[in-house]
ModelCIF file with pLDDT and N, C-alpha, C, O atoms, coordinates in Angstrom:
data_MODEL
#
_entry.id   MODEL 
#
_entity.id                         1 
_entity.type                       polymer 
_entity.pdbx_number_of_molecules   1 
#
_entity_poly.entity_id                      1 
_entity_poly.type                           'polypeptide(L)' 
_entity_poly.nstd_linkage                   no 
_entity_poly.nstd_monomer                   no 
_entity_poly.pdbx_seq_one_letter_code       LLALRVNVLESIIFDLSLKKRNAKSVPWWTIFTDRSRL 
_entity_poly.pdbx_seq_one_letter_code_can   LLALRVNVLESIIFDLSLKKRNAKSVPWWTIFTDRSRL 
_entity_poly.pdbx_strand_id                 A 
#
loop_
_entity_poly_seq.entity_id 
_entity_poly_seq.num 
_entity_poly_seq.mon_id 
_entity_poly_seq.hetero 
1 1  LEU n 
1 2  LEU n 
1 3  ALA n 
1 4  LEU n 
1 5  ARG n 
1 6  VAL n 
1 7  ASN n 
1 8  VAL n 
1 9  LEU n 
1 10 GLU n 
1 11 SER n 
1 12 ILE n 
1 13 ILE n 
1 14 PHE n 
1 15 ASP n 
1 16 LEU n 
1 17 SER n 
1 18 LEU n 
1 19 LYS n 
1 20 LYS n 
1 21 ARG n 
1 22 ASN n 
1 23 ALA n 
1 24 LYS n 
1 25 SER n 
1 26 VAL n 
1 27 PRO n 
1 28 TRP n 
1 29 TRP n 
1 30 THR n 
1 31 ILE n 
1 32 PHE n 
1 33 THR n 
1 34 ASP n 
1 35 ARG n 
1 36 SER n 
1 37 ARG n 
1 38 LEU n 
#
_struct_asym.id          A 
_struct_asym.entity_id   1 
#
loop_
_ma_qa_metric.id 
_ma_qa_metric.mode 
_ma_qa_metric.name 
_ma_qa_metric.software_group_id 
_ma_qa_metric.type 
1 global pLDDT . pLDDT 
2 local  pLDDT . pLDDT 
#
_ma_qa_metric_global.metric_id      1 
_ma_qa_metric_global.metric_value   76.03 
_ma_qa_metric_global.model_id       1 
_ma_qa_metric_global.ordinal_id     1 
#
loop_
_ma_qa_metric_local.label_asym_id 
_ma_qa_metric_local.label_comp_id 
_ma_qa_metric_local.label_seq_id 
_ma_qa_metric_local.metric_id 
_ma_qa_metric_local.metric_value 
_ma_qa_metric_local.model_id 
_ma_qa_metric_local.ordinal_id 
A LEU 1  2 86.00 1 1  
A LEU 2  2 84.00 1 2  
A ALA 3  2 83.00 1 3  
A LEU 4  2 77.00 1 4  
A ARG 5  2 72.00 1 5  
A VAL 6  2 69.00 1 6  
A ASN 7  2 67.00 1 7  
A VAL 8  2 71.00 1 8  
A LEU 9  2 66.00 1 9  
A GLU 10 2 66.00 1 10 
A SER 11 2 66.00 1 11 
A ILE 12 2 69.00 1 12 
A ILE 13 2 75.00 1 13 
A PHE 14 2 74.00 1 14 
A ASP 15 2 67.00 1 15 
A LEU 16 2 69.00 1 16 
A SER 17 2 71.00 1 17 
A LEU 18 2 69.00 1 18 
A LYS 19 2 67.00 1 19 
A LYS 20 2 67.00 1 20 
A ARG 21 2 58.00 1 21 
A ASN 22 2 57.00 1 22 
A ALA 23 2 45.00 1 23 
A LYS 24 2 56.00 1 24 
A SER 25 2 66.00 1 25 
A VAL 26 2 78.00 1 26 
A PRO 27 2 85.00 1 27 
A TRP 28 2 85.00 1 28 
A TRP 29 2 88.00 1 29 
A THR 30 2 90.00 1 30 
A ILE 31 2 91.00 1 31 
A PHE 32 2 92.00 1 32 
A THR 33 2 92.00 1 33 
A ASP 34 2 93.00 1 34 
A ARG 35 2 94.00 1 35 
A SER 36 2 93.00 1 36 
A ARG 37 2 95.00 1 37 
A LEU 38 2 96.00 1 38 
#
loop_
_atom_site.group_PDB 
_atom_site.id 
_atom_site.type_symbol 
_atom_site.label_atom_id 
_atom_site.label_alt_id 
_atom_site.label_comp_id 
_atom_site.label_asym_id 
_atom_site.label_entity_id 
_atom_site.label_seq_id 
_atom_site.pdbx_PDB_ins_code 
_atom_site.Cartn_x 
_atom_site.Cartn_y 
_atom_site.Cartn_z 
_atom_site.occupancy 
_atom_site.B_iso_or_equiv 
_atom_site.pdbx_formal_charge 
_atom_site.auth_seq_id 
_atom_site.auth_comp_id 
_atom_site.auth_asym_id 
_atom_site.auth_atom_id 
_atom_site.pdbx_PDB_model_num 
ATOM 1   N N  . LEU A 1 1  ? -61.208 -12.742 -75.485 1.00 86.00 ? 1  LEU A N  1 
ATOM 2   C CA . LEU A 1 1  ? -60.202 -12.500 -76.517 1.00 86.00 ? 1  LEU A CA 1 
ATOM 3   C C  . LEU A 1 1  ? -59.245 -13.677 -76.640 1.00 86.00 ? 1  LEU A C  1 
ATOM 4   O O  . LEU A 1 1  ? -58.782 -13.991 -77.737 1.00 86.00 ? 1  LEU A O  1 
ATOM 5   N N  . LEU A 1 2  ? -58.952 -14.320 -75.532 1.00 84.00 ? 2  LEU A N  1 
ATOM 6   C CA . LEU A 1 2  ? -58.067 -15.485 -75.542 1.00 84.00 ? 2  LEU A CA 1 
ATOM 7   C C  . LEU A 1 2  ? -58.627 -16.573 -76.462 1.00 84.00 ? 2  LEU A C  1 
ATOM 8   O O  . LEU A 1 2  ? -57.882 -17.229 -77.190 1.00 84.00 ? 2  LEU A O  1 
ATOM 9   N N  . ALA A 1 3  ? -59.939 -16.752 -76.418 1.00 83.00 ? 3  ALA A N  1 
ATOM 10  C CA . ALA A 1 3  ? -60.574 -17.751 -77.284 1.00 83.00 ? 3  ALA A CA 1 
ATOM 11  C C  . ALA A 1 3  ? -60.438 -17.371 -78.759 1.00 83.00 ? 3  ALA A C  1 
ATOM 12  O O  . ALA A 1 3  ? -60.258 -18.236 -79.615 1.00 83.00 ? 3  ALA A O  1 
ATOM 13  N N  . LEU A 1 4  ? -60.525 -16.067 -79.049 1.00 77.00 ? 4  LEU A N  1 
ATOM 14  C CA . LEU A 1 4  ? -60.392 -15.616 -80.436 1.00 77.00 ? 4  LEU A CA 1 
ATOM 15  C C  . LEU A 1 4  ? -58.988 -15.850 -80.974 1.00 77.00 ? 4  LEU A C  1 
ATOM 16  O O  . LEU A 1 4  ? -58.799 -16.040 -82.175 1.00 77.00 ? 4  LEU A O  1 
ATOM 17  N N  . ARG A 1 5  ? -58.009 -15.836 -80.082 1.00 72.00 ? 5  ARG A N  1 
ATOM 18  C CA . ARG A 1 5  ? -56.615 -15.929 -80.517 1.00 72.00 ? 5  ARG A CA 1 
ATOM 19  C C  . ARG A 1 5  ? -56.206 -17.355 -80.895 1.00 72.00 ? 5  ARG A C  1 
ATOM 20  O O  . ARG A 1 5  ? -55.107 -17.568 -81.407 1.00 72.00 ? 5  ARG A O  1 
ATOM 21  N N  . VAL A 1 6  ? -57.068 -18.313 -80.652 1.00 69.00 ? 6  VAL A N  1 
ATOM 22  C CA . VAL A 1 6  ? -56.741 -19.704 -80.992 1.00 69.00 ? 6  VAL A CA 1 
ATOM 23  C C  . VAL A 1 6  ? -56.433 -19.831 -82.477 1.00 69.00 ? 6  VAL A C  1 
ATOM 24  O O  . VAL A 1 6  ? -55.571 -20.618 -82.867 1.00 69.00 ? 6  VAL A O  1 
ATOM 25  N N  . ASN A 1 7  ? -57.138 -19.056 -83.314 1.00 67.00 ? 7  ASN A N  1 
ATOM 26  C CA . ASN A 1 7  ? -56.988 -19.169 -84.764 1.00 67.00 ? 7  ASN A CA 1 
ATOM 27  C C  . ASN A 1 7  ? -55.939 -18.230 -85.359 1.00 67.00 ? 7  ASN A C  1 
ATOM 28  O O  . ASN A 1 7  ? -55.760 -18.203 -86.576 1.00 67.00 ? 7  ASN A O  1 
ATOM 29  N N  . VAL A 1 8  ? -55.244 -17.460 -84.518 1.00 71.00 ? 8  VAL A N  1 
ATOM 30  C CA . VAL A 1 8  ? -54.218 -16.553 -85.029 1.00 71.00 ? 8  VAL A CA 1 
ATOM 31  C C  . VAL A 1 8  ? -52.946 -17.339 -85.325 1.00 71.00 ? 8  VAL A C  1 
ATOM 32  O O  . VAL A 1 8  ? -52.451 -18.070 -84.467 1.00 71.00 ? 8  VAL A O  1 
ATOM 33  N N  . LEU A 1 9  ? -52.416 -17.189 -86.541 1.00 66.00 ? 9  LEU A N  1 
ATOM 34  C CA . LEU A 1 9  ? -51.238 -17.929 -86.964 1.00 66.00 ? 9  LEU A CA 1 
ATOM 35  C C  . LEU A 1 9  ? -49.963 -17.194 -86.564 1.00 66.00 ? 9  LEU A C  1 
ATOM 36  O O  . LEU A 1 9  ? -49.967 -15.980 -86.361 1.00 66.00 ? 9  LEU A O  1 
ATOM 37  N N  . GLU A 1 10 ? -48.883 -17.946 -86.455 1.00 66.00 ? 10 GLU A N  1 
ATOM 38  C CA . GLU A 1 10 ? -47.579 -17.359 -86.153 1.00 66.00 ? 10 GLU A CA 1 
ATOM 39  C C  . GLU A 1 10 ? -47.037 -16.641 -87.381 1.00 66.00 ? 10 GLU A C  1 
ATOM 40  O O  . GLU A 1 10 ? -47.396 -16.970 -88.511 1.00 66.00 ? 10 GLU A O  1 
ATOM 41  N N  . SER A 1 11 ? -46.182 -15.672 -87.155 1.00 66.00 ? 11 SER A N  1 
ATOM 42  C CA . SER A 1 11 ? -45.520 -14.948 -88.238 1.00 66.00 ? 11 SER A CA 1 
ATOM 43  C C  . SER A 1 11 ? -44.631 -15.890 -89.051 1.00 66.00 ? 11 SER A C  1 
ATOM 44  O O  . SER A 1 11 ? -43.815 -16.623 -88.491 1.00 66.00 ? 11 SER A O  1 
ATOM 45  N N  . ILE A 1 12 ? -44.796 -15.864 -90.379 1.00 69.00 ? 12 ILE A N  1 
ATOM 46  C CA . ILE A 1 12 ? -43.957 -16.694 -91.244 1.00 69.00 ? 12 ILE A CA 1 
ATOM 47  C C  . ILE A 1 12 ? -42.506 -16.249 -91.142 1.00 69.00 ? 12 ILE A C  1 
ATOM 48  O O  . ILE A 1 12 ? -41.589 -17.071 -91.155 1.00 69.00 ? 12 ILE A O  1 
ATOM 49  N N  . ILE A 1 13 ? -42.307 -14.932 -91.041 1.00 75.00 ? 13 ILE A N  1 
ATOM 50  C CA . ILE A 1 13 ? -40.944 -14.409 -90.912 1.00 75.00 ? 13 ILE A CA 1 
ATOM 51  C C  . ILE A 1 13 ? -40.270 -14.977 -89.669 1.00 75.00 ? 13 ILE A C  1 
ATOM 52  O O  . ILE A 1 13 ? -39.092 -15.332 -89.704 1.00 75.00 ? 13 ILE A O  1 
ATOM 53  N N  . PHE A 1 14 ? -41.025 -15.063 -88.560 1.00 74.00 ? 14 PHE A N  1 
ATOM 54  C CA . PHE A 1 14 ? -40.441 -15.627 -87.338 1.00 74.00 ? 14 PHE A CA 1 
ATOM 55  C C  . PHE A 1 14 ? -40.136 -17.109 -87.525 1.00 74.00 ? 14 PHE A C  1 
ATOM 56  O O  . PHE A 1 14 ? -39.071 -17.576 -87.121 1.00 74.00 ? 14 PHE A O  1 
ATOM 57  N N  . ASP A 1 15 ? -41.059 -17.852 -88.133 1.00 67.00 ? 15 ASP A N  1 
ATOM 58  C CA . ASP A 1 15 ? -40.833 -19.285 -88.339 1.00 67.00 ? 15 ASP A CA 1 
ATOM 59  C C  . ASP A 1 15 ? -39.572 -19.539 -89.169 1.00 67.00 ? 15 ASP A C  1 
ATOM 60  O O  . ASP A 1 15 ? -38.791 -20.444 -88.872 1.00 67.00 ? 15 ASP A O  1 
ATOM 61  N N  . LEU A 1 16 ? -39.385 -18.723 -90.218 1.00 69.00 ? 16 LEU A N  1 
ATOM 62  C CA . LEU A 1 16 ? -38.190 -18.871 -91.048 1.00 69.00 ? 16 LEU A CA 1 
ATOM 63  C C  . LEU A 1 16 ? -36.938 -18.492 -90.264 1.00 69.00 ? 16 LEU A C  1 
ATOM 64  O O  . LEU A 1 16 ? -35.885 -19.117 -90.399 1.00 69.00 ? 16 LEU A O  1 
ATOM 65  N N  . SER A 1 17 ? -37.079 -17.446 -89.437 1.00 71.00 ? 17 SER A N  1 
ATOM 66  C CA . SER A 1 17 ? -35.947 -17.012 -88.620 1.00 71.00 ? 17 SER A CA 1 
ATOM 67  C C  . SER A 1 17 ? -35.536 -18.094 -87.628 1.00 71.00 ? 17 SER A C  1 
ATOM 68  O O  . SER A 1 17 ? -34.348 -18.296 -87.375 1.00 71.00 ? 17 SER A O  1 
ATOM 69  N N  . LEU A 1 18 ? -36.523 -18.786 -87.070 1.00 69.00 ? 18 LEU A N  1 
ATOM 70  C CA . LEU A 1 18 ? -36.245 -19.812 -86.072 1.00 69.00 ? 18 LEU A CA 1 
ATOM 71  C C  . LEU A 1 18 ? -35.405 -20.942 -86.664 1.00 69.00 ? 18 LEU A C  1 
ATOM 72  O O  . LEU A 1 18 ? -34.573 -21.535 -85.978 1.00 69.00 ? 18 LEU A O  1 
ATOM 73  N N  . LYS A 1 19 ? -35.635 -21.232 -87.948 1.00 67.00 ? 19 LYS A N  1 
ATOM 74  C CA . LYS A 1 19 ? -34.881 -22.292 -88.601 1.00 67.00 ? 19 LYS A CA 1 
ATOM 75  C C  . LYS A 1 19 ? -33.412 -21.903 -88.791 1.00 67.00 ? 19 LYS A C  1 
ATOM 76  O O  . LYS A 1 19 ? -32.534 -22.764 -88.854 1.00 67.00 ? 19 LYS A O  1 
ATOM 77  N N  . LYS A 1 20 ? -33.158 -20.587 -88.881 1.00 67.00 ? 20 LYS A N  1 
ATOM 78  C CA . LYS A 1 20 ? -31.781 -20.116 -89.062 1.00 67.00 ? 20 LYS A CA 1 
ATOM 79  C C  . LYS A 1 20 ? -31.085 -19.854 -87.731 1.00 67.00 ? 20 LYS A C  1 
ATOM 80  O O  . LYS A 1 20 ? -29.881 -19.600 -87.694 1.00 67.00 ? 20 LYS A O  1 
ATOM 81  N N  . ARG A 1 21 ? -31.835 -19.917 -86.653 1.00 58.00 ? 21 ARG A N  1 
ATOM 82  C CA . ARG A 1 21 ? -31.387 -19.376 -85.371 1.00 58.00 ? 21 ARG A CA 1 
ATOM 83  C C  . ARG A 1 21 ? -30.092 -19.995 -84.842 1.00 58.00 ? 21 ARG A C  1 
ATOM 84  O O  . ARG A 1 21 ? -29.308 -19.310 -84.185 1.00 58.00 ? 21 ARG A O  1 
ATOM 85  N N  . ASN A 1 22 ? -29.854 -21.294 -85.122 1.00 57.00 ? 22 ASN A N  1 
ATOM 86  C CA . ASN A 1 22 ? -28.638 -21.924 -84.613 1.00 57.00 ? 22 ASN A CA 1 
ATOM 87  C C  . ASN A 1 22 ? -27.380 -21.238 -85.144 1.00 57.00 ? 22 ASN A C  1 
ATOM 88  O O  . ASN A 1 22 ? -26.361 -21.155 -84.459 1.00 57.00 ? 22 ASN A O  1 
ATOM 89  N N  . ALA A 1 23 ? -27.479 -20.752 -86.378 1.00 45.00 ? 23 ALA A N  1 
ATOM 90  C CA . ALA A 1 23 ? -26.319 -20.101 -86.986 1.00 45.00 ? 23 ALA A CA 1 
ATOM 91  C C  . ALA A 1 23 ? -26.225 -18.629 -86.589 1.00 45.00 ? 23 ALA A C  1 
ATOM 92  O O  . ALA A 1 23 ? -25.143 -18.044 -86.642 1.00 45.00 ? 23 ALA A O  1 
ATOM 93  N N  . LYS A 1 24 ? -27.345 -18.025 -86.191 1.00 56.00 ? 24 LYS A N  1 
ATOM 94  C CA . LYS A 1 24 ? -27.363 -16.583 -85.939 1.00 56.00 ? 24 LYS A CA 1 
ATOM 95  C C  . LYS A 1 24 ? -28.002 -16.258 -84.596 1.00 56.00 ? 24 LYS A C  1 
ATOM 96  O O  . LYS A 1 24 ? -28.779 -15.310 -84.483 1.00 56.00 ? 24 LYS A O  1 
ATOM 97  N N  . SER A 1 25 ? -27.677 -17.037 -83.595 1.00 66.00 ? 25 SER A N  1 
ATOM 98  C CA . SER A 1 25 ? -28.223 -16.774 -82.265 1.00 66.00 ? 25 SER A CA 1 
ATOM 99  C C  . SER A 1 25 ? -27.584 -15.512 -81.687 1.00 66.00 ? 25 SER A C  1 
ATOM 100 O O  . SER A 1 25 ? -26.359 -15.390 -81.645 1.00 66.00 ? 25 SER A O  1 
ATOM 101 N N  . VAL A 1 26 ? -28.427 -14.570 -81.242 1.00 78.00 ? 26 VAL A N  1 
ATOM 102 C CA . VAL A 1 26 ? -27.947 -13.300 -80.691 1.00 78.00 ? 26 VAL A CA 1 
ATOM 103 C C  . VAL A 1 26 ? -28.568 -13.102 -79.315 1.00 78.00 ? 26 VAL A C  1 
ATOM 104 O O  . VAL A 1 26 ? -29.786 -12.946 -79.229 1.00 78.00 ? 26 VAL A O  1 
ATOM 105 N N  . PRO A 1 27 ? -27.790 -13.099 -78.234 1.00 85.00 ? 27 PRO A N  1 
ATOM 106 C CA . PRO A 1 27 ? -28.341 -12.904 -76.888 1.00 85.00 ? 27 PRO A CA 1 
ATOM 107 C C  . PRO A 1 27 ? -29.039 -11.547 -76.770 1.00 85.00 ? 27 PRO A C  1 
ATOM 108 O O  . PRO A 1 27 ? -28.614 -10.568 -77.384 1.00 85.00 ? 27 PRO A O  1 
ATOM 109 N N  . TRP A 1 28 ? -30.100 -11.498 -75.985 1.00 85.00 ? 28 TRP A N  1 
ATOM 110 C CA . TRP A 1 28 ? -30.880 -10.263 -75.868 1.00 85.00 ? 28 TRP A CA 1 
ATOM 111 C C  . TRP A 1 28 ? -30.072 -9.128  -75.255 1.00 85.00 ? 28 TRP A C  1 
ATOM 112 O O  . TRP A 1 28 ? -30.308 -7.963  -75.577 1.00 85.00 ? 28 TRP A O  1 
ATOM 113 N N  . TRP A 1 29 ? -29.113 -9.449  -74.370 1.00 88.00 ? 29 TRP A N  1 
ATOM 114 C CA . TRP A 1 29 ? -28.384 -8.373  -73.685 1.00 88.00 ? 29 TRP A CA 1 
ATOM 115 C C  . TRP A 1 29 ? -27.428 -7.630  -74.618 1.00 88.00 ? 29 TRP A C  1 
ATOM 116 O O  . TRP A 1 29 ? -26.904 -6.577  -74.255 1.00 88.00 ? 29 TRP A O  1 
ATOM 117 N N  . THR A 1 30 ? -27.197 -8.173  -75.822 1.00 90.00 ? 30 THR A N  1 
ATOM 118 C CA . THR A 1 30 ? -26.334 -7.456  -76.762 1.00 90.00 ? 30 THR A CA 1 
ATOM 119 C C  . THR A 1 30 ? -26.996 -6.178  -77.272 1.00 90.00 ? 30 THR A C  1 
ATOM 120 O O  . THR A 1 30 ? -26.352 -5.362  -77.930 1.00 90.00 ? 30 THR A O  1 
ATOM 121 N N  . ILE A 1 31 ? -28.289 -6.004  -76.966 1.00 91.00 ? 31 ILE A N  1 
ATOM 122 C CA . ILE A 1 31 ? -28.939 -4.716  -77.249 1.00 91.00 ? 31 ILE A CA 1 
ATOM 123 C C  . ILE A 1 31 ? -28.189 -3.599  -76.534 1.00 91.00 ? 31 ILE A C  1 
ATOM 124 O O  . ILE A 1 31 ? -28.111 -2.478  -77.037 1.00 91.00 ? 31 ILE A O  1 
ATOM 125 N N  . PHE A 1 32 ? -27.638 -3.903  -75.364 1.00 92.00 ? 32 PHE A N  1 
ATOM 126 C CA . PHE A 1 32 ? -26.981 -2.897  -74.539 1.00 92.00 ? 32 PHE A CA 1 
ATOM 127 C C  . PHE A 1 32 ? -25.453 -2.939  -74.637 1.00 92.00 ? 32 PHE A C  1 
ATOM 128 O O  . PHE A 1 32 ? -24.779 -2.000  -74.215 1.00 92.00 ? 32 PHE A O  1 
ATOM 129 N N  . THR A 1 33 ? -24.907 -4.026  -75.192 1.00 92.00 ? 33 THR A N  1 
ATOM 130 C CA . THR A 1 33 ? -23.446 -4.129  -75.293 1.00 92.00 ? 33 THR A CA 1 
ATOM 131 C C  . THR A 1 33 ? -22.929 -3.817  -76.690 1.00 92.00 ? 33 THR A C  1 
ATOM 132 O O  . THR A 1 33 ? -21.752 -3.498  -76.859 1.00 92.00 ? 33 THR A O  1 
ATOM 133 N N  . ASP A 1 34 ? -23.797 -3.906  -77.689 1.00 93.00 ? 34 ASP A N  1 
ATOM 134 C CA . ASP A 1 34 ? -23.423 -3.579  -79.060 1.00 93.00 ? 34 ASP A CA 1 
ATOM 135 C C  . ASP A 1 34 ? -23.780 -2.112  -79.326 1.00 93.00 ? 34 ASP A C  1 
ATOM 136 O O  . ASP A 1 34 ? -24.937 -1.722  -79.171 1.00 93.00 ? 34 ASP A O  1 
ATOM 137 N N  . ARG A 1 35 ? -22.802 -1.304  -79.722 1.00 94.00 ? 35 ARG A N  1 
ATOM 138 C CA . ARG A 1 35 ? -23.004 0.144   -79.849 1.00 94.00 ? 35 ARG A CA 1 
ATOM 139 C C  . ARG A 1 35 ? -24.119 0.494   -80.833 1.00 94.00 ? 35 ARG A C  1 
ATOM 140 O O  . ARG A 1 35 ? -24.960 1.344   -80.539 1.00 94.00 ? 35 ARG A O  1 
ATOM 141 N N  . SER A 1 36 ? -24.128 -0.147  -81.980 1.00 93.00 ? 36 SER A N  1 
ATOM 142 C CA . SER A 1 36 ? -25.146 0.151   -82.989 1.00 93.00 ? 36 SER A CA 1 
ATOM 143 C C  . SER A 1 36 ? -26.553 -0.152  -82.471 1.00 93.00 ? 36 SER A C  1 
ATOM 144 O O  . SER A 1 36 ? -27.471 0.644   -82.662 1.00 93.00 ? 36 SER A O  1 
ATOM 145 N N  . ARG A 1 37 ? -26.721 -1.303  -81.815 1.00 95.00 ? 37 ARG A N  1 
ATOM 146 C CA . ARG A 1 37 ? -28.037 -1.675  -81.295 1.00 95.00 ? 37 ARG A CA 1 
ATOM 147 C C  . ARG A 1 37 ? -28.470 -0.750  -80.169 1.00 95.00 ? 37 ARG A C  1 
ATOM 148 O O  . ARG A 1 37 ? -29.633 -0.355  -80.093 1.00 95.00 ? 37 ARG A O  1 
ATOM 149 N N  . LEU A 1 38 ? -27.527 -0.405  -79.292 1.00 96.00 ? 38 LEU A N  1 
ATOM 150 C CA . LEU A 1 38 ? -27.859 0.475   -78.171 1.00 96.00 ? 38 LEU A CA 1 
ATOM 151 C C  . LEU A 1 38 ? -28.318 1.845   -78.667 1.00 96.00 ? 38 LEU A C  1 
ATOM 152 O O  . LEU A 1 38 ? -28.639 2.717   -77.860 1.00 96.00 ? 38 LEU A O  1 
#
């Protein structure tokens, strides 16, 4: 299966998100510190 995954492309949504990330970086632990996310 690892060999089959060579041709799998990355999510376009993620690629676009990565370009915005410097302005909207959110630490993973805020899942538990932000009331709405928790």
